[in-house]
Amino acid sequence: MWHEFRKFIARGNVIDLAVGVVIGAAFGKIVTTLVEGVIMPPIGLLFGPIDFSSLFIVLDRSKGIPASLADAKTKGIPVVAYGQFINDVIGFLIVAVAVFLLVRVVNEIKDTMEGPPPAAAPATKECPYCASAIPLRATRCPHCTSDLGSR
């Protein structure tokens, strides 16, 4: 079993995955800091502080109506706390847009550094008799049936 485990770990895919997870976690911290420290302050300035975390729906009113979500939790009143979900969705969308823009910029920089992709080798040639496109290895034109010989 130990030998099989070592063989599994030594495969390139597992090591690549582990490196990807570690880099992804570190990158996640960078993106979170970017969103919270750079992107959210101007949004907060434009729209005011956005916080839906205190929004909830009381499911059982027989125990009373709580003044806040914290009050409902301390009294054991069942509620649907949908506000935090809204906050998390908004945060996710902002992070997703930030990551998209960052990846887009990185890809543009990468493309300019690599230059244009090399031209693909032609897969067809032109028939000298009818000017139709035919496979390179063809010895007879399928369109005009001319014998191409070993051209």
N, C-alpha and C. Protein backbone atom coordinates (compact mmCIF):
# COMPACT_ATOMS: atom_id res chain seq x y z
N MET A 1 0.83 -1.19 0.00
CA MET A 1 0.00 0.00 0.00
C MET A 1 0.87 1.26 0.00
N TRP A 2 1.94 1.26 0.78
CA TRP A 2 2.83 2.41 0.84
C TRP A 2 3.45 2.69 -0.53
N HIS A 3 3.86 1.62 -1.23
CA HIS A 3 4.45 1.78 -2.56
C HIS A 3 3.43 2.38 -3.53
N GLU A 4 2.21 1.90 -3.46
CA GLU A 4 1.15 2.42 -4.34
C GLU A 4 0.86 3.89 -4.04
N PHE A 5 0.86 4.26 -2.74
CA PHE A 5 0.64 5.65 -2.35
C PHE A 5 1.76 6.55 -2.87
N ARG A 6 3.02 6.10 -2.73
CA ARG A 6 4.15 6.89 -3.23
C ARG A 6 4.06 7.06 -4.74
N LYS A 7 3.65 6.02 -5.43
CA LYS A 7 3.50 6.09 -6.89
C LYS A 7 2.41 7.10 -7.26
N PHE A 8 1.32 7.09 -6.50
CA PHE A 8 0.22 8.03 -6.74
C PHE A 8 0.66 9.47 -6.51
N ILE A 9 1.38 9.72 -5.43
CA ILE A 9 1.83 11.07 -5.09
C ILE A 9 2.88 11.56 -6.09
N ALA A 10 3.72 10.66 -6.57
CA ALA A 10 4.79 11.06 -7.48
C ALA A 10 4.29 11.40 -8.88
N ARG A 11 3.06 11.03 -9.20
CA ARG A 11 2.52 11.39 -10.51
C ARG A 11 2.44 12.89 -10.63
N GLY A 12 2.71 13.41 -11.80
CA GLY A 12 2.74 14.85 -12.03
C GLY A 12 1.42 15.54 -11.76
N ASN A 13 0.30 14.89 -12.04
CA ASN A 13 -1.00 15.54 -11.87
C ASN A 13 -1.28 15.89 -10.42
N VAL A 14 -0.93 15.00 -9.50
CA VAL A 14 -1.20 15.25 -8.09
C VAL A 14 -0.35 16.41 -7.59
N ILE A 15 0.90 16.43 -7.98
CA ILE A 15 1.79 17.51 -7.54
C ILE A 15 1.33 18.84 -8.15
N ASP A 16 0.95 18.83 -9.43
CA ASP A 16 0.44 20.05 -10.07
C ASP A 16 -0.81 20.54 -9.37
N LEU A 17 -1.68 19.61 -9.00
CA LEU A 17 -2.91 19.99 -8.30
C LEU A 17 -2.59 20.61 -6.94
N ALA A 18 -1.66 20.01 -6.21
CA ALA A 18 -1.28 20.54 -4.90
C ALA A 18 -0.70 21.95 -5.03
N VAL A 19 0.16 22.14 -6.02
CA VAL A 19 0.74 23.47 -6.24
C VAL A 19 -0.37 24.45 -6.60
N GLY A 20 -1.31 24.02 -7.44
CA GLY A 20 -2.42 24.89 -7.82
C GLY A 20 -3.28 25.29 -6.64
N VAL A 21 -3.53 24.35 -5.73
CA VAL A 21 -4.34 24.66 -4.55
C VAL A 21 -3.63 25.67 -3.66
N VAL A 22 -2.34 25.48 -3.44
CA VAL A 22 -1.57 26.40 -2.59
C VAL A 22 -1.53 27.79 -3.22
N ILE A 23 -1.24 27.86 -4.50
CA ILE A 23 -1.19 29.15 -5.18
C ILE A 23 -2.57 29.78 -5.21
N GLY A 24 -3.61 28.96 -5.43
CA GLY A 24 -4.98 29.47 -5.43
C GLY A 24 -5.38 30.07 -4.11
N ALA A 25 -4.96 29.42 -3.01
CA ALA A 25 -5.28 29.97 -1.68
C ALA A 25 -4.58 31.31 -1.46
N ALA A 26 -3.31 31.39 -1.86
CA ALA A 26 -2.59 32.65 -1.72
C ALA A 26 -3.19 33.71 -2.63
N PHE A 27 -3.56 33.33 -3.83
CA PHE A 27 -4.17 34.27 -4.77
C PHE A 27 -5.53 34.74 -4.25
N GLY A 28 -6.26 33.82 -3.60
CA GLY A 28 -7.55 34.19 -3.01
C GLY A 28 -7.40 35.30 -1.98
N LYS A 29 -6.35 35.24 -1.19
CA LYS A 29 -6.09 36.30 -0.20
C LYS A 29 -5.80 37.63 -0.90
N ILE A 30 -5.03 37.56 -1.97
CA ILE A 30 -4.70 38.77 -2.71
C ILE A 30 -5.97 39.39 -3.30
N VAL A 31 -6.81 38.56 -3.91
CA VAL A 31 -8.04 39.06 -4.51
C VAL A 31 -8.98 39.62 -3.44
N THR A 32 -9.08 38.94 -2.30
CA THR A 32 -9.93 39.44 -1.21
C THR A 32 -9.43 40.80 -0.73
N THR A 33 -8.14 40.93 -0.57
CA THR A 33 -7.58 42.22 -0.15
C THR A 33 -7.83 43.29 -1.21
N LEU A 34 -7.68 42.93 -2.48
CA LEU A 34 -7.94 43.86 -3.57
C LEU A 34 -9.40 44.33 -3.53
N VAL A 35 -10.32 43.38 -3.37
CA VAL A 35 -11.74 43.73 -3.36
C VAL A 35 -12.08 44.57 -2.14
N GLU A 36 -11.65 44.13 -0.95
CA GLU A 36 -12.02 44.85 0.27
C GLU A 36 -11.29 46.19 0.42
N GLY A 37 -10.03 46.25 -0.02
CA GLY A 37 -9.25 47.46 0.20
C GLY A 37 -9.22 48.45 -0.94
N VAL A 38 -9.46 47.98 -2.18
CA VAL A 38 -9.34 48.87 -3.32
C VAL A 38 -10.67 49.07 -4.05
N ILE A 39 -11.40 47.99 -4.26
CA ILE A 39 -12.63 48.09 -5.06
C ILE A 39 -13.83 48.52 -4.23
N MET A 40 -13.99 47.96 -3.03
CA MET A 40 -15.18 48.27 -2.23
C MET A 40 -15.24 49.71 -1.70
N PRO A 41 -14.13 50.33 -1.31
CA PRO A 41 -14.25 51.71 -0.82
C PRO A 41 -14.88 52.68 -1.82
N PRO A 42 -14.50 52.68 -3.11
CA PRO A 42 -15.20 53.57 -4.04
C PRO A 42 -16.68 53.19 -4.22
N ILE A 43 -16.98 51.89 -4.20
CA ILE A 43 -18.38 51.47 -4.31
C ILE A 43 -19.15 51.94 -3.08
N GLY A 44 -18.55 51.80 -1.91
CA GLY A 44 -19.18 52.28 -0.69
C GLY A 44 -19.37 53.78 -0.70
N LEU A 45 -18.43 54.51 -1.30
CA LEU A 45 -18.54 55.96 -1.41
C LEU A 45 -19.70 56.35 -2.33
N LEU A 46 -19.87 55.59 -3.43
CA LEU A 46 -20.94 55.88 -4.37
C LEU A 46 -22.33 55.50 -3.83
N PHE A 47 -22.43 54.32 -3.27
CA PHE A 47 -23.74 53.79 -2.88
C PHE A 47 -23.99 53.77 -1.38
N GLY A 48 -23.02 54.17 -0.59
CA GLY A 48 -23.16 54.07 0.85
C GLY A 48 -22.81 52.66 1.29
N PRO A 49 -22.69 52.46 2.60
CA PRO A 49 -22.34 51.10 3.06
C PRO A 49 -23.48 50.13 2.75
N ILE A 50 -23.14 49.07 2.03
CA ILE A 50 -24.13 48.06 1.65
C ILE A 50 -23.98 46.89 2.61
N ASP A 51 -25.01 46.65 3.44
CA ASP A 51 -24.97 45.53 4.38
C ASP A 51 -26.38 44.98 4.55
N PHE A 52 -26.60 43.82 4.01
CA PHE A 52 -27.90 43.18 4.11
C PHE A 52 -27.93 42.11 5.19
N SER A 53 -26.84 41.96 5.94
CA SER A 53 -26.71 40.83 6.86
C SER A 53 -27.77 40.79 7.95
N SER A 54 -28.42 41.89 8.24
CA SER A 54 -29.42 41.88 9.31
C SER A 54 -30.83 41.59 8.80
N LEU A 55 -30.99 41.30 7.52
CA LEU A 55 -32.31 41.00 6.98
C LEU A 55 -32.69 39.55 7.27
N PHE A 56 -33.92 39.33 7.71
CA PHE A 56 -34.37 37.98 8.01
C PHE A 56 -35.89 37.93 7.97
N ILE A 57 -36.43 36.70 7.88
CA ILE A 57 -37.87 36.47 7.93
C ILE A 57 -38.15 35.57 9.12
N VAL A 58 -39.09 35.97 9.97
CA VAL A 58 -39.45 35.18 11.15
C VAL A 58 -40.38 34.05 10.71
N LEU A 59 -40.04 32.82 11.08
CA LEU A 59 -40.85 31.67 10.70
C LEU A 59 -41.92 31.34 11.75
N ASP A 60 -41.60 31.57 13.01
CA ASP A 60 -42.54 31.25 14.08
C ASP A 60 -42.77 32.50 14.93
N ARG A 61 -43.90 33.16 14.72
CA ARG A 61 -44.21 34.40 15.43
C ARG A 61 -44.81 34.16 16.81
N SER A 62 -45.04 32.90 17.17
CA SER A 62 -45.64 32.62 18.47
C SER A 62 -44.70 32.95 19.63
N LYS A 63 -43.41 32.96 19.38
CA LYS A 63 -42.42 33.29 20.42
C LYS A 63 -42.11 34.78 20.45
N GLY A 64 -42.80 35.55 19.63
CA GLY A 64 -42.56 36.99 19.58
C GLY A 64 -41.80 37.37 18.34
N ILE A 65 -41.74 38.67 18.09
CA ILE A 65 -41.02 39.17 16.93
C ILE A 65 -39.70 39.75 17.43
N PRO A 66 -38.59 39.19 17.01
CA PRO A 66 -37.29 39.68 17.49
C PRO A 66 -36.95 41.04 16.89
N ALA A 67 -36.18 41.80 17.64
CA ALA A 67 -35.76 43.12 17.18
C ALA A 67 -34.62 43.03 16.16
N SER A 68 -33.82 41.97 16.25
CA SER A 68 -32.68 41.81 15.34
C SER A 68 -32.42 40.32 15.14
N LEU A 69 -31.53 40.03 14.23
CA LEU A 69 -31.15 38.64 13.97
C LEU A 69 -30.46 38.05 15.18
N ALA A 70 -29.62 38.82 15.84
CA ALA A 70 -28.94 38.34 17.05
C ALA A 70 -29.96 38.04 18.15
N ASP A 71 -30.97 38.89 18.26
CA ASP A 71 -32.03 38.68 19.26
C ASP A 71 -32.79 37.38 18.95
N ALA A 72 -33.06 37.11 17.69
CA ALA A 72 -33.76 35.89 17.30
C ALA A 72 -32.92 34.66 17.63
N LYS A 73 -31.63 34.74 17.42
CA LYS A 73 -30.75 33.61 17.72
C LYS A 73 -30.68 33.35 19.22
N THR A 74 -30.59 34.41 20.02
CA THR A 74 -30.52 34.21 21.48
C THR A 74 -31.82 33.67 22.05
N LYS A 75 -32.96 34.05 21.47
CA LYS A 75 -34.26 33.57 21.95
C LYS A 75 -34.65 32.24 21.32
N GLY A 76 -33.88 31.77 20.36
CA GLY A 76 -34.18 30.50 19.71
C GLY A 76 -35.37 30.56 18.78
N ILE A 77 -35.62 31.72 18.20
CA ILE A 77 -36.73 31.89 17.27
C ILE A 77 -36.25 31.49 15.87
N PRO A 78 -36.96 30.57 15.20
CA PRO A 78 -36.51 30.16 13.87
C PRO A 78 -36.75 31.27 12.83
N VAL A 79 -35.69 31.58 12.11
CA VAL A 79 -35.76 32.62 11.08
C VAL A 79 -35.02 32.15 9.83
N VAL A 80 -35.36 32.76 8.71
CA VAL A 80 -34.60 32.58 7.47
C VAL A 80 -33.74 33.84 7.33
N ALA A 81 -32.44 33.68 7.53
CA ALA A 81 -31.52 34.82 7.49
C ALA A 81 -30.99 34.96 6.06
N TYR A 82 -31.78 35.55 5.19
CA TYR A 82 -31.41 35.67 3.78
C TYR A 82 -30.47 36.83 3.51
N GLY A 83 -30.33 37.74 4.42
CA GLY A 83 -29.49 38.92 4.21
C GLY A 83 -28.02 38.59 4.03
N GLN A 84 -27.49 37.67 4.84
CA GLN A 84 -26.08 37.30 4.71
C GLN A 84 -25.84 36.63 3.37
N PHE A 85 -26.84 35.85 2.91
CA PHE A 85 -26.72 35.23 1.59
C PHE A 85 -26.60 36.29 0.49
N ILE A 86 -27.41 37.34 0.59
CA ILE A 86 -27.34 38.43 -0.39
C ILE A 86 -25.96 39.09 -0.34
N ASN A 87 -25.45 39.34 0.88
CA ASN A 87 -24.11 39.91 1.01
C ASN A 87 -23.06 39.02 0.36
N ASP A 88 -23.16 37.71 0.60
CA ASP A 88 -22.17 36.79 0.05
C ASP A 88 -22.26 36.73 -1.48
N VAL A 89 -23.47 36.77 -2.03
CA VAL A 89 -23.63 36.75 -3.49
C VAL A 89 -23.03 38.02 -4.10
N ILE A 90 -23.29 39.16 -3.50
CA ILE A 90 -22.73 40.42 -4.00
C ILE A 90 -21.20 40.38 -3.92
N GLY A 91 -20.68 39.90 -2.79
CA GLY A 91 -19.23 39.78 -2.64
C GLY A 91 -18.63 38.84 -3.68
N PHE A 92 -19.32 37.71 -3.91
CA PHE A 92 -18.85 36.76 -4.92
C PHE A 92 -18.82 37.39 -6.30
N LEU A 93 -19.87 38.10 -6.66
CA LEU A 93 -19.92 38.73 -7.98
C LEU A 93 -18.81 39.75 -8.15
N ILE A 94 -18.54 40.52 -7.11
CA ILE A 94 -17.46 41.51 -7.19
C ILE A 94 -16.11 40.81 -7.33
N VAL A 95 -15.89 39.75 -6.56
CA VAL A 95 -14.64 39.00 -6.67
C VAL A 95 -14.53 38.37 -8.05
N ALA A 96 -15.63 37.80 -8.57
CA ALA A 96 -15.59 37.17 -9.88
C ALA A 96 -15.25 38.18 -10.98
N VAL A 97 -15.82 39.37 -10.90
CA VAL A 97 -15.50 40.41 -11.90
C VAL A 97 -14.04 40.83 -11.77
N ALA A 98 -13.56 40.98 -10.53
CA ALA A 98 -12.17 41.38 -10.33
C ALA A 98 -11.22 40.31 -10.88
N VAL A 99 -11.50 39.04 -10.62
CA VAL A 99 -10.65 37.95 -11.13
C VAL A 99 -10.72 37.92 -12.65
N PHE A 100 -11.92 38.08 -13.21
CA PHE A 100 -12.06 38.09 -14.68
C PHE A 100 -11.21 39.20 -15.30
N LEU A 101 -11.29 40.40 -14.74
CA LEU A 101 -10.52 41.51 -15.28
C LEU A 101 -9.02 41.27 -15.14
N LEU A 102 -8.62 40.71 -14.00
CA LEU A 102 -7.21 40.43 -13.77
C LEU A 102 -6.70 39.36 -14.75
N VAL A 103 -7.46 38.30 -14.94
CA VAL A 103 -7.05 37.24 -15.87
C VAL A 103 -7.02 37.78 -17.30
N ARG A 104 -7.97 38.63 -17.63
CA ARG A 104 -8.00 39.23 -18.96
C ARG A 104 -6.74 40.06 -19.23
N VAL A 105 -6.34 40.86 -18.27
CA VAL A 105 -5.13 41.67 -18.42
C VAL A 105 -3.90 40.78 -18.53
N VAL A 106 -3.82 39.75 -17.70
CA VAL A 106 -2.67 38.83 -17.75
C VAL A 106 -2.61 38.14 -19.10
N ASN A 107 -3.76 37.70 -19.62
CA ASN A 107 -3.78 37.04 -20.93
C ASN A 107 -3.37 38.00 -22.04
N GLU A 108 -3.77 39.26 -21.97
CA GLU A 108 -3.36 40.23 -22.98
C GLU A 108 -1.85 40.46 -22.93
N ILE A 109 -1.30 40.55 -21.74
CA ILE A 109 0.15 40.73 -21.60
C ILE A 109 0.87 39.50 -22.14
N LYS A 110 0.35 38.32 -21.81
CA LYS A 110 0.96 37.07 -22.28
C LYS A 110 0.91 36.99 -23.81
N ASP A 111 -0.21 37.37 -24.41
CA ASP A 111 -0.35 37.33 -25.86
C ASP A 111 0.62 38.27 -26.55
N THR A 112 0.82 39.47 -25.98
CA THR A 112 1.74 40.42 -26.61
C THR A 112 3.19 39.96 -26.47
N MET A 113 3.50 39.25 -25.40
CA MET A 113 4.87 38.76 -25.21
C MET A 113 5.17 37.58 -26.12
N GLU A 114 4.16 36.74 -26.38
CA GLU A 114 4.39 35.56 -27.20
C GLU A 114 4.34 35.86 -28.70
N GLY A 115 3.66 36.91 -29.08
CA GLY A 115 3.53 37.23 -30.49
C GLY A 115 2.41 36.42 -31.12
N PRO A 116 2.22 36.60 -32.42
CA PRO A 116 1.13 35.87 -33.08
C PRO A 116 1.44 34.38 -33.14
N PRO A 117 0.39 33.54 -33.13
CA PRO A 117 0.64 32.10 -33.21
C PRO A 117 1.20 31.73 -34.58
N PRO A 118 2.01 30.68 -34.65
CA PRO A 118 2.59 30.30 -35.94
C PRO A 118 1.49 29.82 -36.88
N ALA A 119 1.70 30.07 -38.16
CA ALA A 119 0.71 29.67 -39.17
C ALA A 119 0.70 28.15 -39.28
N ALA A 120 -0.50 27.60 -39.40
CA ALA A 120 -0.64 26.15 -39.53
C ALA A 120 -0.20 25.72 -40.92
N ALA A 121 0.34 24.52 -40.99
CA ALA A 121 0.76 23.98 -42.29
C ALA A 121 -0.49 23.74 -43.13
N PRO A 122 -0.42 24.03 -44.42
CA PRO A 122 -1.60 23.84 -45.26
C PRO A 122 -1.97 22.37 -45.36
N ALA A 123 -3.27 22.08 -45.34
CA ALA A 123 -3.77 20.72 -45.44
C ALA A 123 -4.27 20.41 -46.84
N THR A 124 -4.37 21.45 -47.68
CA THR A 124 -4.87 21.26 -49.04
C THR A 124 -3.95 21.95 -50.03
N LYS A 125 -4.15 21.56 -51.29
CA LYS A 125 -3.44 22.23 -52.39
C LYS A 125 -4.48 22.54 -53.46
N GLU A 126 -4.10 23.32 -54.43
CA GLU A 126 -5.02 23.70 -55.49
C GLU A 126 -4.81 22.81 -56.71
N CYS A 127 -5.91 22.34 -57.26
CA CYS A 127 -5.84 21.54 -58.49
C CYS A 127 -5.40 22.47 -59.62
N PRO A 128 -4.37 22.08 -60.40
CA PRO A 128 -3.90 22.95 -61.48
C PRO A 128 -4.87 23.05 -62.66
N TYR A 129 -5.86 22.18 -62.70
CA TYR A 129 -6.79 22.16 -63.82
C TYR A 129 -8.09 22.92 -63.53
N CYS A 130 -8.66 22.70 -62.31
CA CYS A 130 -9.95 23.34 -62.02
C CYS A 130 -9.88 24.32 -60.85
N ALA A 131 -8.74 24.46 -60.25
CA ALA A 131 -8.50 25.41 -59.14
C ALA A 131 -9.33 25.09 -57.89
N SER A 132 -9.74 23.85 -57.72
CA SER A 132 -10.45 23.42 -56.51
C SER A 132 -9.44 23.06 -55.43
N ALA A 133 -9.85 23.18 -54.18
CA ALA A 133 -8.99 22.77 -53.07
C ALA A 133 -9.11 21.27 -52.89
N ILE A 134 -7.95 20.60 -52.87
CA ILE A 134 -7.93 19.14 -52.73
C ILE A 134 -6.90 18.76 -51.67
N PRO A 135 -7.03 17.58 -51.06
CA PRO A 135 -6.04 17.16 -50.05
C PRO A 135 -4.63 17.09 -50.64
N LEU A 136 -3.65 17.32 -49.81
CA LEU A 136 -2.25 17.33 -50.27
C LEU A 136 -1.84 16.01 -50.91
N ARG A 137 -2.30 14.90 -50.38
CA ARG A 137 -1.87 13.58 -50.85
C ARG A 137 -2.69 13.09 -52.04
N ALA A 138 -3.65 13.85 -52.53
CA ALA A 138 -4.49 13.41 -53.63
C ALA A 138 -3.68 13.25 -54.92
N THR A 139 -3.98 12.18 -55.67
CA THR A 139 -3.34 11.97 -56.97
C THR A 139 -4.33 12.16 -58.11
N ARG A 140 -5.61 12.32 -57.77
CA ARG A 140 -6.65 12.60 -58.77
C ARG A 140 -7.60 13.62 -58.14
N CYS A 141 -7.98 14.62 -58.90
CA CYS A 141 -8.89 15.66 -58.41
C CYS A 141 -10.31 15.09 -58.30
N PRO A 142 -10.95 15.19 -57.15
CA PRO A 142 -12.31 14.67 -57.01
C PRO A 142 -13.34 15.54 -57.73
N HIS A 143 -12.98 16.74 -58.11
CA HIS A 143 -13.93 17.66 -58.75
C HIS A 143 -13.92 17.50 -60.28
N CYS A 144 -12.71 17.53 -60.87
CA CYS A 144 -12.63 17.44 -62.34
C CYS A 144 -12.08 16.10 -62.80
N THR A 145 -11.72 15.24 -61.88
CA THR A 145 -11.15 13.89 -62.12
C THR A 145 -9.85 13.89 -62.92
N SER A 146 -9.15 15.01 -62.93
CA SER A 146 -7.86 15.07 -63.63
C SER A 146 -6.82 14.28 -62.84
N ASP A 147 -5.94 13.62 -63.58
CA ASP A 147 -4.85 12.87 -62.96
C ASP A 147 -3.76 13.87 -62.57
N LEU A 148 -3.44 13.89 -61.29
CA LEU A 148 -2.44 14.85 -60.80
C LEU A 148 -1.06 14.22 -60.77
N GLY A 149 -0.98 12.94 -60.96
CA GLY A 149 0.32 12.26 -60.93
C GLY A 149 0.95 12.37 -59.57
N SER A 150 2.20 12.68 -59.54
CA SER A 150 2.92 12.80 -58.27
C SER A 150 3.23 14.24 -57.94
N ARG A 151 2.36 15.13 -58.29
CA ARG A 151 2.58 16.58 -58.04
C ARG A 151 2.58 16.87 -56.59
